[in-house]
């Protein structure tokens, strides 16, 4: 019984941590796209089109 509860708790904790890491990864990608867009606007580089 105790082993099942520990395993269930660990699975839930790992799922939550995985979700947080996934969201952080998406945030980093979106931030990088935003930075590229701002940089390309500032330097008016033709050829880099980031919406």
N, C-alpha and C. Protein backbone atom coordinates (compact mmCIF):
# COMPACT_ATOMS: atom_id res chain seq x y z
N UNK A 1 0.83 -1.21 0.00
CA UNK A 1 0.00 0.00 0.00
C UNK A 1 0.86 1.25 0.00
N UNK A 2 1.82 1.29 0.88
CA UNK A 2 2.67 2.48 0.98
C UNK A 2 3.48 2.66 -0.29
N UNK A 3 3.98 1.56 -0.84
CA UNK A 3 4.77 1.63 -2.07
C UNK A 3 3.94 2.21 -3.22
N UNK A 4 2.69 1.82 -3.32
CA UNK A 4 1.81 2.34 -4.38
C UNK A 4 1.58 3.84 -4.20
N UNK A 5 1.39 4.27 -2.96
CA UNK A 5 1.16 5.69 -2.70
C UNK A 5 2.39 6.52 -3.06
N UNK A 6 3.56 6.01 -2.71
CA UNK A 6 4.80 6.73 -3.03
C UNK A 6 4.99 6.80 -4.53
N UNK A 7 4.74 5.70 -5.22
CA UNK A 7 4.89 5.67 -6.68
C UNK A 7 3.91 6.65 -7.33
N UNK A 8 2.68 6.66 -6.87
CA UNK A 8 1.67 7.55 -7.43
C UNK A 8 2.05 9.01 -7.20
N UNK A 9 2.53 9.29 -6.00
CA UNK A 9 2.94 10.66 -5.68
C UNK A 9 4.12 11.10 -6.54
N UNK A 10 5.07 10.20 -6.73
CA UNK A 10 6.24 10.51 -7.56
C UNK A 10 5.84 10.74 -9.02
N UNK A 11 4.92 9.93 -9.52
CA UNK A 11 4.47 10.11 -10.91
C UNK A 11 3.80 11.46 -11.08
N UNK A 12 2.97 11.84 -10.11
CA UNK A 12 2.29 13.13 -10.19
C UNK A 12 3.30 14.27 -10.14
N UNK A 13 4.27 14.16 -9.25
CA UNK A 13 5.29 15.21 -9.13
C UNK A 13 6.11 15.32 -10.41
N UNK A 14 6.46 14.17 -11.01
CA UNK A 14 7.24 14.20 -12.24
C UNK A 14 6.43 14.77 -13.41
N UNK A 15 5.14 14.46 -13.45
CA UNK A 15 4.29 15.03 -14.50
C UNK A 15 4.22 16.55 -14.36
N UNK A 16 4.08 17.02 -13.13
CA UNK A 16 4.02 18.46 -12.90
C UNK A 16 5.34 19.13 -13.29
N UNK A 17 6.46 18.51 -12.90
CA UNK A 17 7.76 19.07 -13.25
C UNK A 17 7.96 19.07 -14.77
N UNK A 18 7.52 18.01 -15.43
CA UNK A 18 7.64 17.93 -16.88
C UNK A 18 6.82 19.02 -17.56
N UNK A 19 5.64 19.29 -17.04
CA UNK A 19 4.81 20.35 -17.60
C UNK A 19 5.47 21.71 -17.44
N UNK A 20 6.05 21.95 -16.28
CA UNK A 20 6.73 23.23 -16.03
C UNK A 20 7.92 23.39 -16.97
N UNK A 21 8.70 22.33 -17.14
CA UNK A 21 9.86 22.40 -18.04
C UNK A 21 9.41 22.62 -19.48
N UNK A 22 8.34 21.96 -19.89
CA UNK A 22 7.83 22.14 -21.24
C UNK A 22 7.35 23.56 -21.49
N UNK A 23 6.63 24.12 -20.52
CA UNK A 23 6.16 25.50 -20.66
C UNK A 23 7.33 26.48 -20.69
N UNK A 24 8.34 26.23 -19.86
CA UNK A 24 9.52 27.10 -19.85
C UNK A 24 10.24 27.03 -21.20
N UNK A 25 10.31 25.84 -21.79
CA UNK A 25 10.92 25.69 -23.10
C UNK A 25 10.19 26.48 -24.17
N UNK A 26 8.87 26.42 -24.14
CA UNK A 26 8.08 27.20 -25.11
C UNK A 26 8.27 28.69 -24.89
N UNK A 27 8.36 29.11 -23.62
CA UNK A 27 8.59 30.52 -23.33
C UNK A 27 9.93 30.99 -23.89
N UNK A 28 10.95 30.15 -23.76
CA UNK A 28 12.27 30.50 -24.28
C UNK A 28 12.22 30.65 -25.80
N UNK A 29 11.52 29.75 -26.48
CA UNK A 29 11.41 29.83 -27.94
C UNK A 29 10.66 31.09 -28.35
N UNK A 30 9.55 31.39 -27.68
CA UNK A 30 8.79 32.59 -28.00
C UNK A 30 9.61 33.85 -27.74
N UNK A 31 10.37 33.86 -26.64
CA UNK A 31 11.22 35.00 -26.33
C UNK A 31 12.30 35.18 -27.40
N UNK A 32 12.89 34.06 -27.85
CA UNK A 32 13.91 34.14 -28.89
C UNK A 32 13.33 34.71 -30.19
N UNK A 33 12.12 34.28 -30.54
CA UNK A 33 11.48 34.83 -31.75
C UNK A 33 11.21 36.32 -31.59
N UNK A 34 10.78 36.72 -30.39
CA UNK A 34 10.51 38.13 -30.14
C UNK A 34 11.79 38.96 -30.25
N UNK A 35 12.89 38.43 -29.69
CA UNK A 35 14.17 39.14 -29.75
C UNK A 35 14.65 39.25 -31.20
N UNK A 36 14.53 38.17 -31.97
CA UNK A 36 14.92 38.23 -33.38
C UNK A 36 14.09 39.24 -34.15
N UNK A 37 12.81 39.27 -33.84
CA UNK A 37 11.92 40.22 -34.53
C UNK A 37 12.31 41.66 -34.18
N UNK A 38 12.55 41.92 -32.90
CA UNK A 38 12.93 43.26 -32.47
C UNK A 38 14.29 43.64 -33.06
N UNK A 39 15.22 42.69 -33.08
CA UNK A 39 16.55 42.96 -33.63
C UNK A 39 16.48 43.24 -35.12
N UNK A 40 15.68 42.46 -35.83
CA UNK A 40 15.59 42.67 -37.28
C UNK A 40 14.91 43.98 -37.62
N UNK A 41 13.97 44.42 -36.78
CA UNK A 41 13.34 45.73 -36.99
C UNK A 41 14.35 46.84 -36.76
N UNK A 42 15.17 46.69 -35.73
CA UNK A 42 16.15 47.71 -35.40
C UNK A 42 17.21 47.83 -36.48
N UNK A 43 17.66 46.71 -36.99
CA UNK A 43 18.75 46.71 -37.96
C UNK A 43 18.25 46.65 -39.39
N UNK A 44 16.95 46.60 -39.57
CA UNK A 44 16.31 46.53 -40.88
C UNK A 44 17.00 45.53 -41.80
N UNK A 45 17.17 44.34 -41.34
CA UNK A 45 17.81 43.28 -42.12
C UNK A 45 16.76 42.68 -43.06
N UNK A 46 17.07 42.66 -44.33
CA UNK A 46 16.18 42.04 -45.30
C UNK A 46 16.53 40.57 -45.40
N UNK A 47 15.53 39.71 -45.36
CA UNK A 47 15.77 38.28 -45.46
C UNK A 47 15.38 37.55 -44.20
N UNK A 48 15.34 38.25 -43.08
CA UNK A 48 14.86 37.61 -41.85
C UNK A 48 13.44 38.09 -41.63
N UNK A 49 12.50 37.20 -41.87
CA UNK A 49 11.09 37.54 -41.68
C UNK A 49 10.55 36.68 -40.55
N UNK A 50 10.32 37.33 -39.40
CA UNK A 50 9.76 36.64 -38.25
C UNK A 50 8.48 37.36 -37.88
N UNK A 51 7.38 36.66 -37.99
CA UNK A 51 6.09 37.29 -37.71
C UNK A 51 5.89 37.46 -36.22
